[in-house]
Amino acid sequence: MNWIQLESTAQLGNIAQQKGYSIIFKHSTRCSISMMAKRRFELDWASLPNDISLYFLDLIKYRELSTQIANNFKVHHESPQLLLIKDGECILDQSHGDISVEETISSIG
């Protein structure tokens, strides 16, 4: 699996319009907790469905996108944070040590 770099508001619009599931991972490149959460997620991500889109946001570079994500998907900003989006709606919001592939998969059903 590979990350799709999230760098524009147009991409957010596409995620909101996309049918099925997408994941947005908001990551602070300056935070060791964020690094550990990302690494732990990547170790297990092979068990995610192959058709799921994985978006990665460097929120140091794109802080305004992080704010827009919080507004668009009606979640509180966290870092690190994983959002599971289904048909344009956030159905799972995980942050810090709660980020897990297992819980994400259980939310997909």
Protein backbone atom coordinates (compact mmCIF):
# COMPACT_ATOMS: atom_id res chain seq x y z
CA MET A 1 0.00 0.00 0.00
CA ASN A 2 1.09 3.57 -0.58
CA TRP A 3 0.16 6.95 0.81
CA ILE A 4 -1.45 9.56 -1.43
CA GLN A 5 -0.07 12.94 -0.39
CA LEU A 6 -2.90 15.28 0.59
CA GLU A 7 -1.93 18.76 -0.55
CA SER A 8 -5.01 20.57 -1.87
CA THR A 9 -8.60 21.47 -1.15
CA ALA A 10 -9.53 19.87 -4.49
CA GLN A 11 -8.39 16.51 -3.10
CA LEU A 12 -10.63 17.03 -0.05
CA GLY A 13 -13.55 17.62 -2.39
CA ASN A 14 -12.73 14.40 -4.22
CA ILE A 15 -12.60 12.45 -0.95
CA ALA A 16 -16.00 13.86 0.05
CA GLN A 17 -17.47 12.77 -3.32
CA GLN A 18 -15.80 9.36 -3.42
CA LYS A 19 -17.94 6.25 -2.97
CA GLY A 20 -16.63 3.65 -0.55
CA TYR A 21 -13.89 4.09 2.02
CA SER A 22 -10.94 6.42 2.33
CA ILE A 23 -8.51 7.01 5.17
CA ILE A 24 -6.96 10.35 6.05
CA PHE A 25 -3.91 10.20 8.31
CA LYS A 26 -2.92 13.57 9.76
CA HIS A 27 0.70 13.53 10.83
CA SER A 28 3.01 15.99 12.54
CA THR A 29 6.56 15.48 11.31
CA ARG A 30 7.83 17.16 14.51
CA CYS A 31 6.12 14.82 16.96
CA SER A 32 7.56 11.50 18.14
CA ILE A 33 4.11 10.23 19.17
CA SER A 34 2.86 10.91 15.65
CA MET A 35 5.88 9.08 14.20
CA MET A 36 5.18 6.03 16.39
CA ALA A 37 1.46 6.00 15.52
CA LYS A 38 2.26 6.21 11.80
CA ARG A 39 4.87 3.44 12.01
CA ARG A 40 2.53 1.16 13.98
CA PHE A 41 -0.29 1.77 11.47
CA GLU A 42 1.99 1.04 8.50
CA LEU A 43 3.17 -2.25 10.07
CA ASP A 44 -0.41 -3.57 9.98
CA TRP A 45 -1.90 -1.83 6.94
CA ALA A 46 -1.49 -4.87 4.67
CA SER A 47 -4.67 -6.25 6.26
CA LEU A 48 -6.74 -3.26 5.02
CA PRO A 49 -8.90 -3.78 1.92
CA ASN A 50 -6.89 -3.20 -1.28
CA ASP A 51 -9.41 -0.74 -2.69
CA ILE A 52 -9.18 1.74 0.20
CA SER A 53 -7.52 5.08 -0.56
CA LEU A 54 -4.90 6.15 1.99
CA TYR A 55 -4.32 9.89 2.22
CA PHE A 56 -1.42 11.36 4.19
CA LEU A 57 -1.43 14.94 5.42
CA ASP A 58 1.77 16.60 6.62
CA LEU A 59 0.02 19.08 8.87
CA ILE A 60 3.14 21.15 9.44
CA LYS A 61 3.22 21.99 5.71
CA TYR A 62 -0.55 22.04 5.23
CA ARG A 63 -2.03 23.31 8.49
CA GLU A 64 -4.89 25.05 6.66
CA LEU A 65 -5.93 21.72 5.13
CA SER A 66 -6.01 20.18 8.59
CA THR A 67 -8.42 22.89 9.72
CA GLN A 68 -10.54 22.35 6.61
CA ILE A 69 -10.62 18.58 7.26
CA ALA A 70 -11.91 19.23 10.79
CA ASN A 71 -14.63 21.51 9.43
CA ASN A 72 -15.62 19.38 6.43
CA PHE A 73 -15.81 16.09 8.33
CA LYS A 74 -17.06 17.58 11.63
CA VAL A 75 -14.23 16.33 13.83
CA HIS A 76 -12.03 17.99 16.41
CA HIS A 77 -8.45 18.55 15.22
CA GLU A 78 -5.94 16.09 16.70
CA SER A 79 -2.42 15.07 15.80
CA PRO A 80 -1.79 12.36 14.98
CA GLN A 81 -5.27 11.55 13.75
CA LEU A 82 -6.84 8.93 11.53
CA LEU A 83 -10.22 9.48 9.92
CA LEU A 84 -12.14 6.73 8.18
CA ILE A 85 -14.39 8.28 5.55
CA LYS A 86 -17.28 6.37 3.98
CA ASP A 87 -19.23 7.94 1.13
CA GLY A 88 -18.07 11.41 2.18
CA GLU A 89 -18.80 11.08 5.91
CA CYS A 90 -16.38 10.45 8.75
CA ILE A 91 -17.44 7.23 10.49
CA LEU A 92 -14.34 6.75 12.65
CA ASP A 93 -12.02 9.27 14.29
CA GLN A 94 -8.92 7.92 16.07
CA SER A 95 -6.06 9.83 17.60
CA HIS A 96 -2.73 9.21 19.30
CA GLY A 97 -2.42 5.69 20.79
CA ASP A 98 -5.96 4.78 19.73
CA ILE A 99 -4.98 4.66 16.04
CA SER A 100 -5.19 1.04 14.93
CA VAL A 101 -5.73 -0.92 11.76
CA GLU A 102 -7.75 -3.49 13.72
CA GLU A 103 -10.37 -0.96 14.84
CA THR A 104 -10.42 0.57 11.38
CA ILE A 105 -11.15 -2.83 9.83
CA SER A 106 -13.88 -3.53 12.37
CA SER A 107 -15.53 -0.23 11.38
CA ILE A 108 -15.48 -1.28 7.73
CA GLY A 109 -17.30 -4.47 8.62
